[in-house]
Amino acid sequence: MAVKVLVVDDSSFFRRRVSEILNADPRLEVVGNAVNGKEAVEMASRLHPDVITMDIEMPVMDGITAVREIMQANPTPILMFSSLTHEGAKATLDALDAGALDFLPKKFEDIARNRDEAVSLLQKRVTELARKRVFMRRPARTAATMRDAASEAARPMAARSALGNQSLASPSGLKAASQPSALRQPAARPAATKPAARFKPSGKKYQLMAIGTSTGGPVALQKILTALPANFPLPIVLIQHMPATFTAAFAARLDNLCKIGVKEAQDGDMLRPGMAYLAPGGMQMMLDGRPGSARLRIIDGGDRMNYKPCVDVTFGSAAKVFHDKVLSMVLTGMGADGREGARMLKNSGATIWAQDEDSCVVYGMPQAVAKAGISSEDLPLERIAERISVELGLV
């Protein structure tokens, strides 16, 4: 069965162009076109697409607001199209915060080196995101709905029986306050869950933490880094596949949200504990020197390199400088970048973890590391920061 796609853009030319590309792939079928965010919300509810492509700037309702409403009512994998400007970067990051899973430049010539490659990349991104459809979870209940639940529980039994034991949440995941009581469905009995396994430190000593990621990485990195304390004892290098105009905005956002410091890496930066260095888009980030006085080298990305920045490049240089003193992670992302660099780290005695399949937007990069037997642990995203704290003796 073909992947159903809803295309959303106020430009008729761009809607037609994207639809033609997607329909040219037998695995994909465009089932609808929306000209603004309001139409997108309505059509997402009615058509139940597997994936939505979404513009950001549109009349009536912008793409960010539409993403937020769709993720509240009908959680669906959403691919944003963005302009490669500083303002476009900020808006795209806002869309990812709202629940979008991935983004691509709106100018196809910025996606790849030629048209055929750009077409193939778009088709592949949409196909990969469709696989996430079955893992999409409804948003967690808000404080308001929990207060409603407590109030409901406090009602006399007779009053609750008169309401037919109706639940506080609709089947679509909307808060009960927005639903007429007659539409509320019986509450499902929560499934019994096992207590989360307790982590144990390995006892190893580290001098560097390194994280590589791609599709879904901005949200994953934000979740991990915002949980780290201000006195985090290691320098951190971050390699996120991202356009050059996006990395400065992303680093600034993380720096504003995190207790640790975060900056876009610059050539010559000396690694300092409690500081994270984000590899600049379009370039390669390497480590040079020796532990205690290591510096970053930012060099040209190179025409022959598929990824700029490349996880393999940074991980490989980290293995040469820090040897077994590296705690590294490969997070969500398409492809296999990071596998060979992680292999070099492992051969040097370093520790490599991979994000688990269920919590990945795209289980490509972590899968490559796990299948090669390189990672020692596969971890859900929501527990990686906890695992780091245990491993480093911070708790």
Protein backbone atom coordinates (compact mmCIF):
# COMPACT_ATOMS: atom_id res chain seq x y z
CA MET A 1 0.00 0.00 0.00
CA ALA A 2 1.36 3.40 -1.00
CA VAL A 3 2.32 5.99 1.60
CA LYS A 4 -0.38 8.69 1.67
CA VAL A 5 1.00 12.25 1.61
CA LEU A 6 -0.68 15.61 2.20
CA VAL A 7 1.18 18.53 0.56
CA VAL A 8 0.71 21.96 2.19
CA ASP A 9 1.96 25.19 0.60
CA ASP A 10 0.41 28.48 -0.48
CA SER A 11 2.35 28.38 -3.78
CA SER A 12 0.50 26.45 -6.47
CA PHE A 13 3.79 26.01 -8.35
CA PHE A 14 5.53 24.45 -5.34
CA ARG A 15 2.54 22.23 -4.49
CA ARG A 16 2.52 20.93 -8.07
CA ARG A 17 6.27 20.41 -8.12
CA VAL A 18 6.34 18.47 -4.85
CA SER A 19 3.28 16.42 -5.83
CA GLU A 20 4.84 15.43 -9.15
CA ILE A 21 8.05 14.30 -7.46
CA LEU A 22 6.25 12.27 -4.82
CA ASN A 23 3.76 10.70 -7.22
CA ALA A 24 6.64 9.62 -9.46
CA ASP A 25 7.64 7.15 -6.73
CA PRO A 26 5.31 4.09 -6.75
CA ARG A 27 5.68 3.88 -2.98
CA LEU A 28 4.09 7.31 -2.53
CA GLU A 29 0.69 8.86 -3.30
CA VAL A 30 -0.33 12.49 -2.80
CA VAL A 31 -3.87 12.32 -1.46
CA GLY A 32 -4.48 16.02 -0.97
CA ASN A 33 -3.20 19.60 -1.32
CA ALA A 34 -3.80 22.38 1.18
CA VAL A 35 -3.09 26.07 0.58
CA ASN A 36 -2.75 27.17 4.22
CA GLY A 37 -2.41 25.82 7.74
CA LYS A 38 -6.11 25.90 8.49
CA GLU A 39 -6.88 23.71 5.49
CA ALA A 40 -4.01 21.42 6.50
CA VAL A 41 -5.48 20.84 9.97
CA GLU A 42 -8.91 20.01 8.50
CA MET A 43 -7.52 17.74 5.76
CA ALA A 44 -5.20 15.93 8.18
CA SER A 45 -8.25 15.03 10.27
CA ARG A 46 -10.31 13.96 7.26
CA LEU A 47 -7.70 12.20 5.07
CA HIS A 48 -5.46 10.67 7.76
CA PRO A 49 -2.26 10.95 5.68
CA ASP A 50 0.83 8.97 6.61
CA VAL A 51 3.11 12.00 6.10
CA ILE A 52 2.56 15.76 5.65
CA THR A 53 4.91 18.18 3.87
CA MET A 54 4.45 21.67 5.28
CA ASP A 55 5.48 25.20 4.34
CA ILE A 56 6.16 27.66 7.17
CA GLU A 57 4.94 31.03 5.92
CA MET A 58 1.32 30.85 4.74
CA PRO A 59 -1.81 33.03 5.00
CA VAL A 60 -4.75 32.33 7.33
CA MET A 61 -2.68 29.98 9.52
CA ASP A 62 1.11 29.58 9.43
CA GLY A 63 2.87 26.23 9.29
CA ILE A 64 4.10 26.27 12.90
CA THR A 65 0.61 26.77 14.29
CA ALA A 66 -0.71 24.09 11.95
CA VAL A 67 1.95 21.62 13.12
CA ARG A 68 1.01 22.27 16.73
CA GLU A 69 -2.70 21.72 16.09
CA ILE A 70 -2.15 18.60 13.98
CA MET A 71 0.14 17.04 16.58
CA GLN A 72 -2.46 17.73 19.26
CA ALA A 73 -5.39 16.24 17.36
CA ASN A 74 -3.96 13.78 14.81
CA PRO A 75 -0.25 13.09 15.41
CA THR A 76 1.36 12.67 11.99
CA PRO A 77 4.98 12.74 10.74
CA ILE A 78 5.55 16.22 9.28
CA LEU A 79 8.37 17.34 6.98
CA MET A 80 8.92 21.11 6.90
CA PHE A 81 10.19 23.07 3.90
CA SER A 82 12.37 25.97 4.97
CA SER A 83 14.30 28.86 3.48
CA LEU A 84 18.05 28.80 4.15
CA THR A 85 18.15 32.07 6.06
CA HIS A 86 18.70 32.90 9.72
CA GLU A 87 15.00 33.70 10.13
CA GLY A 88 14.11 30.52 8.24
CA ALA A 89 16.32 28.55 10.61
CA LYS A 90 14.62 30.00 13.69
CA ALA A 91 11.16 29.29 12.27
CA THR A 92 12.15 25.73 11.34
CA LEU A 93 13.45 25.07 14.85
CA ASP A 94 10.15 26.42 16.20
CA ALA A 95 8.33 23.95 13.94
CA LEU A 96 10.46 21.09 15.26
CA ASP A 97 9.64 22.20 18.80
CA ALA A 98 5.96 22.11 17.83
CA GLY A 99 6.27 18.48 16.72
CA ALA A 100 7.56 18.37 13.12
CA LEU A 101 10.04 15.54 12.62
CA ASP A 102 12.29 16.77 9.81
CA PHE A 103 12.99 19.60 7.37
CA LEU A 104 14.45 20.24 3.93
CA PRO A 105 15.49 23.44 2.13
CA LYS A 106 12.70 24.83 -0.02
CA LYS A 107 15.10 25.49 -2.90
CA PHE A 108 15.76 22.08 -4.38
CA GLU A 109 19.18 23.14 -5.64
CA ASP A 110 20.15 23.54 -1.95
CA ILE A 111 19.14 19.95 -1.15
CA ALA A 112 21.72 18.18 -3.29
CA ARG A 113 24.26 18.58 -6.07
CA ASN A 114 21.82 17.84 -8.90
CA ARG A 115 18.10 17.53 -9.53
CA ASP A 116 17.97 13.73 -9.66
CA GLU A 117 19.73 13.50 -6.31
CA ALA A 118 17.35 16.09 -4.81
CA VAL A 119 14.29 14.21 -6.09
CA SER A 120 15.58 10.92 -4.69
CA LEU A 121 16.35 12.53 -1.32
CA LEU A 122 12.85 14.01 -0.97
CA GLN A 123 11.21 10.70 -1.86
CA LYS A 124 13.45 8.84 0.58
CA ARG A 125 12.83 11.30 3.43
CA VAL A 126 9.07 10.99 3.06
CA THR A 127 9.25 7.19 2.86
CA GLU A 128 11.42 7.02 5.98
CA LEU A 129 9.13 9.35 7.95
CA ALA A 130 6.13 7.20 7.05
CA ARG A 131 7.68 4.35 9.03
CA LYS A 132 7.41 6.51 12.13
CA ARG A 133 3.62 6.72 11.74
CA VAL A 134 2.99 3.59 13.79
CA PHE A 135 5.16 4.86 16.63
CA MET A 136 3.53 8.29 16.88
CA ARG A 137 2.21 8.74 20.38
CA ARG A 138 -0.48 11.08 21.48
CA PRO A 139 0.74 14.07 23.47
CA ALA A 140 1.00 13.70 27.23
CA ARG A 141 -1.86 15.02 29.29
CA THR A 142 -1.48 18.61 30.39
CA ALA A 143 -1.77 19.94 33.92
CA ALA A 144 -5.32 21.07 33.08
CA THR A 145 -6.46 17.61 32.06
CA MET A 146 -4.83 16.10 35.14
CA ARG A 147 -6.75 18.56 37.31
CA ASP A 148 -9.92 17.54 35.49
CA ALA A 149 -9.07 13.90 36.15
CA ALA A 150 -8.58 14.56 39.85
CA SER A 151 -11.90 16.42 39.99
CA GLU A 152 -13.63 13.53 38.22
CA ALA A 153 -12.15 11.02 40.62
CA ALA A 154 -13.44 13.06 43.56
CA ARG A 155 -17.05 13.01 42.34
CA PRO A 156 -19.54 10.81 44.16
CA MET A 157 -19.90 7.38 42.58
CA ALA A 158 -23.53 8.01 41.68
CA ALA A 159 -22.62 11.12 39.75
CA ARG A 160 -19.93 9.27 37.85
CA SER A 161 -22.30 6.41 37.09
CA ALA A 162 -24.83 8.84 35.71
CA LEU A 163 -22.24 9.97 33.22
CA GLY A 164 -21.68 6.40 32.12
CA ASN A 165 -18.11 6.31 33.52
CA GLN A 166 -17.00 8.45 30.57
CA SER A 167 -13.34 9.31 30.21
CA LEU A 168 -11.77 12.75 30.19
CA ALA A 169 -9.96 12.35 26.90
CA SER A 170 -11.38 11.98 23.44
CA PRO A 171 -10.16 9.23 21.09
CA SER A 172 -8.29 11.85 19.10
CA GLY A 173 -6.20 12.87 22.10
CA LEU A 174 -7.86 16.30 22.54
CA LYS A 175 -8.40 17.65 26.05
CA ALA A 176 -11.82 16.80 27.48
CA ALA A 177 -12.63 20.43 28.08
CA SER A 178 -13.02 20.86 24.32
CA GLN A 179 -15.28 17.83 23.90
CA PRO A 180 -19.01 17.58 24.66
CA SER A 181 -19.55 14.98 27.40
CA ALA A 182 -21.74 12.88 25.10
CA LEU A 183 -18.74 12.35 22.81
CA ARG A 184 -16.38 11.10 25.50
CA GLN A 185 -15.45 7.45 25.33
CA PRO A 186 -15.08 4.96 28.17
CA ALA A 187 -11.66 5.09 29.76
CA ALA A 188 -9.32 2.26 28.89
CA ARG A 189 -7.69 0.40 31.78
CA PRO A 190 -4.01 1.41 31.86
CA ALA A 191 -1.64 -1.40 31.00
CA ALA A 192 0.65 -2.62 33.75
CA THR A 193 4.21 -1.44 33.22
CA LYS A 194 7.44 -2.78 34.61
CA PRO A 195 9.60 -0.41 36.63
CA ALA A 196 12.42 1.10 34.58
CA ALA A 197 15.70 -0.76 34.90
CA ARG A 198 18.28 0.88 37.13
CA PHE A 199 21.51 1.87 35.43
CA LYS A 200 24.92 1.01 36.83
CA PRO A 201 28.12 2.95 36.14
CA SER A 202 30.87 1.12 34.30
CA GLY A 203 33.59 2.72 36.39
CA LYS A 204 35.40 4.09 33.33
CA LYS A 205 36.90 7.57 33.35
CA TYR A 206 36.15 10.03 30.54
CA GLN A 207 37.59 13.25 29.20
CA LEU A 208 35.16 13.92 26.30
CA MET A 209 31.54 13.28 25.30
CA ALA A 210 30.70 13.10 21.59
CA ILE A 211 27.23 12.90 20.02
CA GLY A 212 26.39 12.37 16.34
CA THR A 213 22.91 12.64 14.84
CA SER A 214 20.84 13.66 11.80
CA THR A 215 17.08 13.43 11.12
CA GLY A 216 15.26 14.07 14.40
CA GLY A 217 18.48 15.20 16.03
CA PRO A 218 17.57 18.77 17.00
CA VAL A 219 14.77 17.60 19.30
CA ALA A 220 16.86 14.67 20.61
CA LEU A 221 19.85 16.89 21.40
CA GLN A 222 17.64 19.46 23.09
CA LYS A 223 16.08 16.78 25.29
CA ILE A 224 19.46 15.42 26.40
CA LEU A 225 21.41 18.64 26.79
CA THR A 226 18.74 20.54 28.72
CA ALA A 227 18.88 17.79 31.38
CA LEU A 228 22.62 18.18 32.02
CA PRO A 229 23.79 20.20 35.06
CA ALA A 230 25.76 23.44 34.82
CA ASN A 231 28.78 21.74 36.42
CA PHE A 232 28.91 19.00 33.77
CA PRO A 233 32.50 17.72 33.99
CA LEU A 234 33.28 17.06 30.30
CA PRO A 235 33.52 19.06 27.08
CA ILE A 236 30.95 17.89 24.50
CA VAL A 237 31.25 17.82 20.71
CA LEU A 238 28.00 17.71 18.72
CA ILE A 239 27.73 16.67 15.08
CA GLN A 240 24.28 17.36 13.62
CA HIS A 241 23.62 17.14 9.87
CA MET A 242 22.33 20.65 9.27
CA PRO A 243 22.74 23.48 6.70
CA ALA A 244 25.34 26.15 7.37
CA THR A 245 22.73 28.84 8.02
CA PHE A 246 21.02 26.73 10.68
CA THR A 247 23.82 25.75 13.07
CA ALA A 248 24.41 29.20 14.57
CA ALA A 249 20.69 29.61 15.31
CA PHE A 250 20.47 26.09 16.73
CA ALA A 251 23.50 26.58 18.98
CA ALA A 252 22.07 29.89 20.25
CA ARG A 253 18.75 28.22 21.02
CA LEU A 254 20.42 25.40 22.93
CA ASP A 255 22.62 27.85 24.83
CA ASN A 256 19.51 29.75 25.91
CA LEU A 257 17.71 26.58 27.05
CA CYS A 258 20.56 24.64 28.68
CA LYS A 259 22.41 25.00 31.98
CA ILE A 260 25.65 24.12 30.19
CA GLY A 261 27.11 26.44 27.58
CA VAL A 262 26.52 25.71 23.88
CA LYS A 263 28.19 27.42 20.93
CA GLU A 264 28.78 26.94 17.24
CA ALA A 265 32.34 25.64 17.05
CA GLN A 266 35.08 27.89 15.70
CA ASP A 267 38.54 26.98 14.51
CA GLY A 268 40.94 27.04 17.43
CA ASP A 269 38.34 26.64 20.20
CA MET A 270 39.91 25.00 23.25
CA LEU A 271 37.72 22.27 24.73
CA ARG A 272 36.42 23.20 28.17
CA PRO A 273 34.30 21.21 30.64
CA GLY A 274 30.61 22.11 30.69
CA MET A 275 30.68 23.50 27.15
CA ALA A 276 29.13 21.89 24.07
CA TYR A 277 30.55 22.67 20.61
CA LEU A 278 28.21 22.26 17.62
CA ALA A 279 29.93 21.50 14.32
CA PRO A 280 29.15 24.28 11.80
CA GLY A 281 27.11 23.27 8.78
CA GLY A 282 29.02 22.83 5.54
CA MET A 283 32.31 22.24 7.38
CA GLN A 284 34.17 19.40 9.11
CA MET A 285 35.05 19.49 12.80
CA MET A 286 38.18 17.68 14.00
CA LEU A 287 39.99 17.47 17.32
CA ASP A 288 43.68 18.20 17.62
CA GLY A 289 46.30 18.21 20.38
CA ARG A 290 46.14 16.11 23.52
CA PRO A 291 43.74 15.64 26.45
CA GLY A 292 43.66 18.69 28.71
CA SER A 293 44.75 21.03 25.92
CA ALA A 294 42.79 19.76 22.90
CA ARG A 295 41.49 22.25 20.36
CA LEU A 296 39.01 22.13 17.54
CA ARG A 297 39.95 22.40 13.90
CA ILE A 298 37.20 23.57 11.54
CA ILE A 299 38.11 22.77 7.95
CA ASP A 300 36.43 22.89 4.55
CA GLY A 301 33.72 20.26 4.15
CA GLY A 302 35.16 18.86 0.94
CA ASP A 303 33.25 18.22 -2.28
CA ARG A 304 33.63 14.45 -2.04
CA MET A 305 32.13 14.16 1.44
CA ASN A 306 28.45 13.18 1.60
CA TYR A 307 27.97 14.78 5.00
CA LYS A 308 29.15 18.22 6.04
CA PRO A 309 29.63 17.97 8.99
CA CYS A 310 30.40 14.25 9.12
CA VAL A 311 30.13 12.20 12.32
CA ASP A 312 32.79 9.74 11.12
CA VAL A 313 35.34 12.56 10.74
CA THR A 314 34.83 13.98 14.22
CA PHE A 315 34.57 10.59 15.95
CA GLY A 316 37.72 9.38 14.17
CA SER A 317 39.74 12.38 15.29
CA ALA A 318 38.38 12.03 18.85
CA ALA A 319 39.65 8.43 18.91
CA LYS A 320 43.16 9.61 17.97
CA VAL A 321 43.28 12.33 20.64
CA PHE A 322 41.30 10.88 23.56
CA HIS A 323 41.55 7.12 22.88
CA ASP A 324 39.46 5.21 25.46
CA LYS A 325 38.41 8.34 27.38
CA VAL A 326 35.44 9.13 25.09
CA LEU A 327 31.77 8.60 25.95
CA SER A 328 30.00 8.70 22.58
CA MET A 329 26.45 8.34 21.31
CA VAL A 330 24.85 7.87 17.89
CA LEU A 331 21.31 9.21 17.81
CA THR A 332 18.42 9.22 15.34
CA GLY A 333 19.28 9.79 11.70
CA MET A 334 19.14 8.44 8.17
CA GLY A 335 22.03 6.51 6.66
CA ALA A 336 25.11 5.10 8.38
CA ASP A 337 27.27 8.14 9.18
CA GLY A 338 29.00 7.53 12.50
CA ARG A 339 29.47 3.79 12.11
CA GLU A 340 33.10 3.88 10.99
CA GLY A 341 34.01 6.66 13.40
CA ALA A 342 32.35 4.70 16.21
CA ARG A 343 34.31 1.64 15.13
CA MET A 344 37.55 3.62 15.51
CA LEU A 345 36.42 4.77 18.96
CA LYS A 346 35.60 1.22 20.02
CA ASN A 347 38.96 -0.05 18.78
CA SER A 348 40.54 2.61 21.00
CA GLY A 349 38.56 1.36 24.00
CA ALA A 350 35.94 4.14 24.07
CA THR A 351 32.28 3.68 25.01
CA ILE A 352 29.58 3.86 22.31
CA TRP A 353 25.82 3.93 22.94
CA ALA A 354 23.03 3.99 20.34
CA GLN A 355 19.50 5.37 20.56
CA ASP A 356 16.89 2.60 20.43
CA GLU A 357 14.54 2.09 17.49
CA ASP A 358 11.25 3.07 19.13
CA SER A 359 12.47 6.53 20.17
CA CYS A 360 14.22 7.35 16.85
CA VAL A 361 12.60 9.45 14.15
CA VAL A 362 14.67 7.43 11.66
CA TYR A 363 16.46 4.30 12.88
CA GLY A 364 19.31 4.46 10.38
CA MET A 365 22.51 5.71 12.00
CA PRO A 366 21.93 3.99 15.37
CA GLN A 367 20.91 0.78 13.61
CA ALA A 368 24.14 0.78 11.59
CA VAL A 369 26.17 1.02 14.79
CA ALA A 370 24.06 -1.56 16.65
CA LYS A 371 24.04 -4.09 13.79
CA ALA A 372 27.82 -3.86 13.48
CA GLY A 373 28.11 -4.80 17.16
CA ILE A 374 29.81 -1.49 17.98
CA SER A 375 27.40 -0.05 20.56
CA SER A 376 27.40 -1.51 24.07
CA GLU A 377 23.92 -0.20 24.95
CA ASP A 378 20.75 0.75 23.04
CA LEU A 379 18.88 3.41 24.99
CA PRO A 380 15.50 5.15 24.74
CA LEU A 381 15.88 8.89 24.20
CA GLU A 382 14.02 9.78 27.39
CA ARG A 383 16.61 7.93 29.51
CA ILE A 384 19.88 8.92 27.83
CA ALA A 385 20.49 11.95 30.08
CA GLU A 386 19.83 9.76 33.13
CA ARG A 387 22.25 7.14 31.80
CA ILE A 388 24.93 9.81 31.26
CA SER A 389 24.50 11.09 34.82
CA VAL A 390 24.85 7.59 36.27
CA GLU A 391 27.88 6.77 34.13
CA LEU A 392 29.66 9.99 35.16
CA GLY A 393 28.70 9.69 38.84
CA LEU A 394 26.57 12.84 38.85
CA VAL A 395 23.72 11.16 40.76
